[in-house]
Amino acid sequence: MFYYFVQGIGFFGTAVMFISYQMPKKSKILLFQILAAAAFSLHFALLAGYSGSYTGMVMNIIALARCVLFYFENKPFFKPKTFTALILTAIFIVGGVTYKNIFSIFPILGMTISTLCLNIKKEKWFRIFNLPGSPLWMTYNIYSRSFPGILGEIINMSSLIIAIIRYDIIGERRNKTKQAATNAKA
């Protein structure tokens, strides 16, 4: 019964992560990702009893802190290069401490990619460059027997692709069409 409870927490995190990529603004994406990271931190902490690996848990705790910091990226105290360097340092140190086997490397690399992506201001490129992190996390989820994590990465990749098509391909075409129509009238 406990195992199903643990998986349920992960499924909640998966649902919230899916919703996050459908948000039109980066700040809203980050709010939903804070909640998803909290759910996955708990999920991987409880799942570590099965896999023996705590890397997924600590990477999600770092992800939560990272999302909180980047939520305030428009504030005067925010120093993107400094915070990125600190987060990357934490990822590598904590990743090294929790390293169990080759599978521990995958969430470390996934976190590195997504951390670097947070410095991207334009939502289009933010979404595109986040894509490679999903296969890395998928590998770790398979190893950890995180069924919500596996499903979540399939959903994340699908959600990112849908959002890229919706906002970055179709949306840009609509904007160009409107711009051309406006220019033609002028």
Protein backbone atom coordinates (compact mmCIF):
# COMPACT_ATOMS: atom_id res chain seq x y z
CA MET A 1 0.00 0.00 0.00
CA PHE A 2 2.82 2.40 0.90
CA TYR A 3 4.44 1.85 -2.52
CA TYR A 4 1.24 2.99 -4.25
CA PHE A 5 1.09 6.07 -2.01
CA VAL A 6 4.67 6.92 -3.03
CA GLN A 7 3.77 6.48 -6.70
CA GLY A 8 0.67 8.67 -6.17
CA ILE A 9 2.83 11.54 -4.93
CA GLY A 10 4.87 11.21 -8.10
CA PHE A 11 1.75 11.21 -10.27
CA PHE A 12 0.66 14.46 -8.62
CA GLY A 13 4.07 15.96 -9.45
CA THR A 14 3.73 14.71 -13.02
CA ALA A 15 0.34 16.39 -13.47
CA VAL A 16 1.64 19.70 -12.09
CA MET A 17 4.74 19.55 -14.31
CA PHE A 18 2.57 18.97 -17.39
CA ILE A 19 0.48 22.00 -16.53
CA SER A 20 3.61 24.11 -16.01
CA TYR A 21 4.72 23.96 -19.64
CA GLN A 22 1.29 25.05 -20.82
CA MET A 23 1.64 28.37 -19.02
CA PRO A 24 2.31 31.27 -21.39
CA LYS A 25 4.76 33.13 -19.12
CA LYS A 26 8.00 31.94 -17.55
CA SER A 27 6.96 33.16 -14.07
CA LYS A 28 3.87 30.93 -14.11
CA ILE A 29 5.90 28.01 -15.45
CA LEU A 30 8.24 28.44 -12.47
CA LEU A 31 5.40 28.57 -9.91
CA PHE A 32 4.06 25.24 -11.10
CA GLN A 33 7.55 23.77 -11.25
CA ILE A 34 8.14 24.73 -7.60
CA LEU A 35 5.12 22.65 -6.61
CA ALA A 36 6.17 19.77 -8.90
CA ALA A 37 9.72 19.77 -7.49
CA ALA A 38 8.35 19.59 -3.94
CA ALA A 39 6.19 16.60 -4.88
CA PHE A 40 9.06 14.83 -6.64
CA SER A 41 11.46 15.52 -3.75
CA LEU A 42 9.11 13.66 -1.44
CA HIS A 43 8.45 10.96 -4.07
CA PHE A 44 12.16 10.20 -4.59
CA ALA A 45 12.91 10.39 -0.85
CA LEU A 46 10.34 7.69 -0.21
CA LEU A 47 11.34 5.71 -3.31
CA ALA A 48 15.01 5.66 -2.25
CA GLY A 49 14.18 2.72 -0.01
CA TYR A 50 13.64 0.69 -3.19
CA SER A 51 16.49 2.01 -5.33
CA GLY A 52 19.00 3.03 -2.68
CA SER A 53 19.64 6.26 -4.58
CA TYR A 54 18.93 9.69 -3.14
CA THR A 55 20.20 11.66 -6.13
CA GLY A 56 16.69 12.20 -7.52
CA MET A 57 15.51 13.58 -4.19
CA VAL A 58 18.35 16.05 -3.72
CA MET A 59 18.24 17.17 -7.34
CA ASN A 60 14.55 18.00 -6.92
CA ILE A 61 15.26 19.91 -3.69
CA ILE A 62 17.85 21.92 -5.62
CA ALA A 63 15.32 22.36 -8.46
CA LEU A 64 12.79 23.74 -5.99
CA ALA A 65 15.32 26.26 -4.60
CA ARG A 66 16.45 27.12 -8.12
CA CYS A 67 12.89 27.82 -9.30
CA VAL A 68 12.25 30.05 -6.28
CA LEU A 69 15.42 32.05 -7.02
CA PHE A 70 14.66 32.42 -10.72
CA TYR A 71 11.08 33.40 -10.00
CA PHE A 72 12.57 36.66 -8.70
CA GLU A 73 14.86 37.20 -11.69
CA ASN A 74 13.41 40.68 -12.33
CA LYS A 75 14.27 41.91 -8.84
CA PRO A 76 17.35 44.09 -8.21
CA PHE A 77 18.98 41.56 -5.88
CA PHE A 78 18.91 38.85 -8.53
CA LYS A 79 22.31 38.13 -10.04
CA PRO A 80 21.77 35.44 -12.71
CA LYS A 81 25.40 34.48 -13.24
CA THR A 82 26.08 34.29 -9.51
CA PHE A 83 22.96 32.25 -8.74
CA THR A 84 23.55 29.95 -11.71
CA ALA A 85 27.13 29.33 -10.59
CA LEU A 86 25.97 28.59 -7.02
CA ILE A 87 23.24 26.23 -8.21
CA LEU A 88 25.57 24.39 -10.59
CA THR A 89 28.12 24.07 -7.80
CA ALA A 90 25.43 22.63 -5.51
CA ILE A 91 24.33 20.20 -8.23
CA PHE A 92 27.86 18.86 -8.70
CA ILE A 93 28.75 18.72 -5.00
CA VAL A 94 25.49 17.15 -3.87
CA GLY A 95 25.47 14.91 -6.94
CA GLY A 96 28.95 13.71 -6.02
CA VAL A 97 27.97 13.07 -2.41
CA THR A 98 24.85 11.09 -3.38
CA TYR A 99 26.52 9.28 -6.28
CA LYS A 100 25.66 5.59 -6.14
CA ASN A 101 26.32 4.34 -9.68
CA ILE A 102 26.25 5.44 -13.31
CA PHE A 103 22.50 6.14 -13.06
CA SER A 104 23.19 8.95 -10.59
CA ILE A 105 24.81 10.93 -13.40
CA PHE A 106 21.59 11.24 -15.41
CA PRO A 107 19.65 13.54 -13.05
CA ILE A 108 22.82 15.58 -12.49
CA LEU A 109 23.10 16.20 -16.23
CA GLY A 110 19.35 16.86 -16.53
CA MET A 111 19.54 19.41 -13.72
CA THR A 112 22.57 21.06 -15.30
CA ILE A 113 20.72 21.53 -18.59
CA SER A 114 17.57 22.88 -16.96
CA THR A 115 19.58 25.22 -14.73
CA LEU A 116 21.39 26.72 -17.70
CA CYS A 117 18.01 27.10 -19.46
CA LEU A 118 16.67 29.30 -16.67
CA ASN A 119 18.99 32.05 -17.86
CA ILE A 120 17.13 32.13 -21.15
CA LYS A 121 14.67 35.03 -21.19
CA LYS A 122 12.69 34.15 -24.31
CA GLU A 123 10.10 31.45 -23.56
CA LYS A 124 10.59 29.85 -26.99
CA TRP A 125 14.25 29.04 -26.38
CA PHE A 126 13.53 28.18 -22.74
CA ARG A 127 11.15 25.44 -23.91
CA ILE A 128 13.37 24.16 -26.73
CA PHE A 129 16.56 23.86 -24.69
CA ASN A 130 14.72 22.11 -21.84
CA LEU A 131 13.87 19.15 -24.10
CA PRO A 132 17.17 17.19 -23.69
CA GLY A 133 16.74 16.97 -19.92
CA SER A 134 13.73 14.67 -20.18
CA PRO A 135 15.53 11.64 -21.67
CA LEU A 136 18.20 11.97 -18.99
CA TRP A 137 15.62 11.98 -16.19
CA MET A 138 13.72 9.17 -17.95
CA THR A 139 16.78 6.93 -17.66
CA TYR A 140 17.05 7.62 -13.93
CA ASN A 141 13.31 7.08 -13.45
CA ILE A 142 13.49 3.68 -15.13
CA TYR A 143 16.36 2.72 -12.84
CA SER A 144 14.55 4.04 -9.73
CA ARG A 145 11.26 2.36 -10.69
CA SER A 146 9.51 5.72 -10.63
CA PHE A 147 6.53 4.99 -12.83
CA PRO A 148 5.17 8.54 -12.47
CA GLY A 149 8.64 9.81 -13.36
CA ILE A 150 8.71 7.71 -16.54
CA LEU A 151 5.22 8.80 -17.49
CA GLY A 152 6.09 12.33 -16.42
CA GLU A 153 9.03 12.58 -18.77
CA ILE A 154 6.91 11.28 -21.65
CA ILE A 155 4.31 13.90 -20.71
CA ASN A 156 6.98 16.60 -20.25
CA MET A 157 8.42 15.95 -23.69
CA SER A 158 4.90 15.91 -25.17
CA SER A 159 3.92 19.06 -23.27
CA LEU A 160 7.06 20.88 -24.37
CA ILE A 161 6.49 19.87 -27.98
CA ILE A 162 2.82 20.95 -27.80
CA ALA A 163 3.81 24.30 -26.27
CA ILE A 164 6.53 24.82 -28.88
CA ILE A 165 4.02 24.16 -31.66
CA ARG A 166 1.28 26.20 -29.95
CA TYR A 167 3.26 29.28 -28.95
CA ASP A 168 6.47 29.23 -30.95
CA ILE A 169 5.41 27.92 -34.34
CA ILE A 170 1.68 28.62 -34.77
CA GLY A 171 1.79 31.70 -32.52
CA GLU A 172 4.72 33.19 -34.41
CA ARG A 173 2.99 32.54 -37.74
CA ARG A 174 -0.15 34.30 -36.48
CA ASN A 175 1.91 37.25 -35.26
CA LYS A 176 3.72 37.50 -38.61
CA THR A 177 0.41 37.31 -40.48
CA LYS A 178 -1.10 40.04 -38.29
CA GLN A 179 2.05 42.14 -38.70
CA ALA A 180 1.94 41.73 -42.48
CA ALA A 181 -1.77 42.66 -42.56
CA THR A 182 -1.10 45.74 -40.41
CA ASN A 183 1.83 46.79 -42.62
CA ALA A 184 -0.29 46.28 -45.77
CA LYS A 185 -3.01 48.58 -44.40
CA ALA A 186 -0.49 51.29 -43.55
